[in-house]
Amino acid sequence: MADTLFGVHGAALEVRGQRMGVLASNIANASTPNFKARDIDFKAALGAVESNGADAIGAATKFRVPTNPSMDGNTVELATEQTAFAENAVQYQTTLSFLNGRINQITRALKGE
């Protein structure tokens, strides 16, 4: 029933939340030697979550190819990660706002307003 009430937005929120964690990990490890930056392919992860559940996100997680790799083997480019994190945070908030609006709409309908 949740799929029909919320559409793709519930799955999108799950993927965006997971992606936020991956990007935060990249930022936290910006100076860790040999750390390999990762990211989640949103489209692939969303399709996986819709068909197989939240555990399927791992297959859509890929290593990021750096533009300018560091000498210590770390592939985190801080500006890229911070930009991706900020964009994802805005998209997460937008999805959350949509879901909140939908819940309020359902609540009003159930109350007969």
C-alpha atoms as a PDB file:
ATOM      1  CA  MET A   1       0.000   0.000   0.000  1.00  0.00           C
ATOM      2  CA  ALA A   2       2.885   2.387   0.716  1.00  0.00           C
ATOM      3  CA  ASP A   3       4.048   2.047  -2.904  1.00  0.00           C
ATOM      4  CA  THR A   4       0.760   3.386  -4.207  1.00  0.00           C
ATOM      5  CA  LEU A   5       0.552   6.158  -1.604  1.00  0.00           C
ATOM      6  CA  PHE A   6       4.088   7.440  -1.902  1.00  0.00           C
ATOM      7  CA  GLY A   7       5.172   6.195  -5.318  1.00  0.00           C
ATOM      8  CA  VAL A   8       8.875   6.158  -5.951  1.00  0.00           C
ATOM      9  CA  HIS A   9       9.619   8.739  -3.261  1.00  0.00           C
ATOM     10  CA  GLY A  10      10.023   6.278  -0.386  1.00  0.00           C
ATOM     11  CA  ALA A  11      12.661   4.352  -2.325  1.00  0.00           C
ATOM     12  CA  ALA A  12      14.305   7.613  -3.419  1.00  0.00           C
ATOM     13  CA  LEU A  13      14.590   8.718   0.198  1.00  0.00           C
ATOM     14  CA  GLU A  14      16.267   5.421   1.111  1.00  0.00           C
ATOM     15  CA  VAL A  15      18.808   5.732  -1.717  1.00  0.00           C
ATOM     16  CA  ARG A  16      19.539   9.393  -0.986  1.00  0.00           C
ATOM     17  CA  GLY A  17      20.082   8.566   2.693  1.00  0.00           C
ATOM     18  CA  GLN A  18      22.517   5.778   1.829  1.00  0.00           C
ATOM     19  CA  ARG A  19      24.314   8.044  -0.644  1.00  0.00           C
ATOM     20  CA  MET A  20      24.674  10.725   2.019  1.00  0.00           C
ATOM     21  CA  GLY A  21      26.478   8.202   4.213  1.00  0.00           C
ATOM     22  CA  VAL A  22      28.855   7.170   1.415  1.00  0.00           C
ATOM     23  CA  LEU A  23      29.683  10.786   0.557  1.00  0.00           C
ATOM     24  CA  ALA A  24      30.206  11.647   4.240  1.00  0.00           C
ATOM     25  CA  SER A  25      32.602   8.708   4.511  1.00  0.00           C
ATOM     26  CA  ASN A  26      34.537  10.021   1.518  1.00  0.00           C
ATOM     27  CA  ILE A  27      34.822  13.468   3.107  1.00  0.00           C
ATOM     28  CA  ALA A  28      35.875  12.006   6.464  1.00  0.00           C
ATOM     29  CA  ASN A  29      38.626   9.994   4.765  1.00  0.00           C
ATOM     30  CA  ALA A  30      39.968  12.794   2.563  1.00  0.00           C
ATOM     31  CA  SER A  31      43.438  12.469   4.086  1.00  0.00           C
ATOM     32  CA  THR A  32      43.524   8.697   4.624  1.00  0.00           C
ATOM     33  CA  PRO A  33      46.259   7.122   2.477  1.00  0.00           C
ATOM     34  CA  ASN A  34      44.972   4.675  -0.160  1.00  0.00           C
ATOM     35  CA  PHE A  35      41.305   5.447   0.593  1.00  0.00           C
ATOM     36  CA  LYS A  36      39.199   4.990  -2.530  1.00  0.00           C
ATOM     37  CA  ALA A  37      36.254   7.365  -2.903  1.00  0.00           C
ATOM     38  CA  ARG A  38      32.920   5.736  -3.713  1.00  0.00           C
ATOM     39  CA  ASP A  39      29.540   6.958  -4.898  1.00  0.00           C
ATOM     40  CA  ILE A  40      26.133   5.458  -5.515  1.00  0.00           C
ATOM     41  CA  ASP A  41      24.662   5.490  -9.008  1.00  0.00           C
ATOM     42  CA  PHE A  42      21.269   6.924  -8.028  1.00  0.00           C
ATOM     43  CA  LYS A  43      19.334   5.629 -11.027  1.00  0.00           C
ATOM     44  CA  ALA A  44      20.719   2.085 -10.721  1.00  0.00           C
ATOM     45  CA  ALA A  45      20.225   2.044  -6.946  1.00  0.00           C
ATOM     46  CA  LEU A  46      16.653   3.316  -7.218  1.00  0.00           C
ATOM     47  CA  GLY A  47      15.794   0.571  -9.694  1.00  0.00           C
ATOM     48  CA  ALA A  48      17.407  -2.024  -7.438  1.00  0.00           C
ATOM     49  CA  VAL A  49      15.572  -0.809  -4.332  1.00  0.00           C
ATOM     50  CA  GLU A  50      12.226  -0.785  -6.135  1.00  0.00           C
ATOM     51  CA  SER A  51      12.657  -4.359  -7.334  1.00  0.00           C
ATOM     52  CA  ASN A  52      14.761  -6.014  -4.606  1.00  0.00           C
ATOM     53  CA  GLY A  53      14.600  -3.878  -1.455  1.00  0.00           C
ATOM     54  CA  ALA A  54      17.140  -1.655   0.313  1.00  0.00           C
ATOM     55  CA  ASP A  55      19.826  -4.376   0.460  1.00  0.00           C
ATOM     56  CA  ALA A  56      20.323  -4.068  -3.311  1.00  0.00           C
ATOM     57  CA  ILE A  57      21.984  -0.630  -3.104  1.00  0.00           C
ATOM     58  CA  GLY A  58      25.449  -2.175  -2.731  1.00  0.00           C
ATOM     59  CA  ALA A  59      25.509  -3.252  -6.376  1.00  0.00           C
ATOM     60  CA  ALA A  60      25.032   0.373  -7.451  1.00  0.00           C
ATOM     61  CA  THR A  61      27.976   1.599  -5.336  1.00  0.00           C
ATOM     62  CA  LYS A  62      30.988   2.300  -7.523  1.00  0.00           C
ATOM     63  CA  PHE A  63      34.468   3.685  -7.001  1.00  0.00           C
ATOM     64  CA  ARG A  64      34.854   7.282  -8.130  1.00  0.00           C
ATOM     65  CA  VAL A  65      37.488   7.929 -10.790  1.00  0.00           C
ATOM     66  CA  PRO A  66      39.538  10.936  -9.668  1.00  0.00           C
ATOM     67  CA  THR A  67      40.411  13.817 -11.966  1.00  0.00           C
ATOM     68  CA  ASN A  68      43.673  14.415 -10.131  1.00  0.00           C
ATOM     69  CA  PRO A  69      44.729  11.426  -7.953  1.00  0.00           C
ATOM     70  CA  SER A  70      46.980  12.120  -4.981  1.00  0.00           C
ATOM     71  CA  MET A  71      50.444  10.669  -4.487  1.00  0.00           C
ATOM     72  CA  ASP A  72      49.359   8.620  -1.443  1.00  0.00           C
ATOM     73  CA  GLY A  73      46.730   6.678  -3.422  1.00  0.00           C
ATOM     74  CA  ASN A  74      43.749   8.543  -1.970  1.00  0.00           C
ATOM     75  CA  THR A  75      41.124   9.279  -4.639  1.00  0.00           C
ATOM     76  CA  VAL A  76      38.976  11.712  -2.616  1.00  0.00           C
ATOM     77  CA  GLU A  77      38.709  15.145  -4.204  1.00  0.00           C
ATOM     78  CA  LEU A  78      37.263  17.242  -1.415  1.00  0.00           C
ATOM     79  CA  ALA A  79      35.549  19.860  -3.591  1.00  0.00           C
ATOM     80  CA  THR A  80      33.846  17.156  -5.671  1.00  0.00           C
ATOM     81  CA  GLU A  81      32.652  15.317  -2.565  1.00  0.00           C
ATOM     82  CA  GLN A  82      31.390  18.464  -0.851  1.00  0.00           C
ATOM     83  CA  THR A  83      29.467  19.494  -3.971  1.00  0.00           C
ATOM     84  CA  ALA A  84      27.935  16.033  -4.363  1.00  0.00           C
ATOM     85  CA  PHE A  85      27.025  15.982  -0.659  1.00  0.00           C
ATOM     86  CA  ALA A  86      25.331  19.402  -0.852  1.00  0.00           C
ATOM     87  CA  GLU A  87      23.379  18.458  -3.997  1.00  0.00           C
ATOM     88  CA  ASN A  88      22.288  15.174  -2.444  1.00  0.00           C
ATOM     89  CA  ALA A  89      21.227  16.940   0.775  1.00  0.00           C
ATOM     90  CA  VAL A  90      19.005  19.326  -1.200  1.00  0.00           C
ATOM     91  CA  GLN A  91      17.477  16.427  -3.148  1.00  0.00           C
ATOM     92  CA  TYR A  92      16.947  14.479   0.095  1.00  0.00           C
ATOM     93  CA  GLN A  93      15.170  17.453   1.667  1.00  0.00           C
ATOM     94  CA  THR A  94      13.012  17.922  -1.432  1.00  0.00           C
ATOM     95  CA  THR A  95      11.945  14.280  -1.386  1.00  0.00           C
ATOM     96  CA  LEU A  96      11.265  14.476   2.348  1.00  0.00           C
ATOM     97  CA  SER A  97       9.138  17.609   1.858  1.00  0.00           C
ATOM     98  CA  PHE A  98       7.121  15.891  -0.841  1.00  0.00           C
ATOM     99  CA  LEU A  99       6.500  12.878   1.383  1.00  0.00           C
ATOM    100  CA  ASN A 100       5.541  15.116   4.305  1.00  0.00           C
ATOM    101  CA  GLY A 101       3.044  16.938   2.083  1.00  0.00           C
ATOM    102  CA  ARG A 102       1.591  13.638   0.921  1.00  0.00           C
ATOM    103  CA  ILE A 103       1.235  12.400   4.512  1.00  0.00           C
ATOM    104  CA  ASN A 104      -0.504  15.640   5.510  1.00  0.00           C
ATOM    105  CA  GLN A 105      -2.841  15.249   2.537  1.00  0.00           C
ATOM    106  CA  ILE A 106      -3.740  11.688   3.557  1.00  0.00           C
ATOM    107  CA  THR A 107      -4.214  12.735   7.176  1.00  0.00           C
ATOM    108  CA  ARG A 108      -6.617  15.520   6.150  1.00  0.00           C
ATOM    109  CA  ALA A 109      -8.528  13.098   3.928  1.00  0.00           C
ATOM    110  CA  LEU A 110      -8.886  10.616   6.775  1.00  0.00           C
ATOM    111  CA  LYS A 111     -10.146  13.365   9.085  1.00  0.00           C
ATOM    112  CA  GLY A 112     -12.661  14.441   6.441  1.00  0.00           C
ATOM    113  CA  GLU A 113     -11.231  17.929   6.002  1.00  0.00           C
END
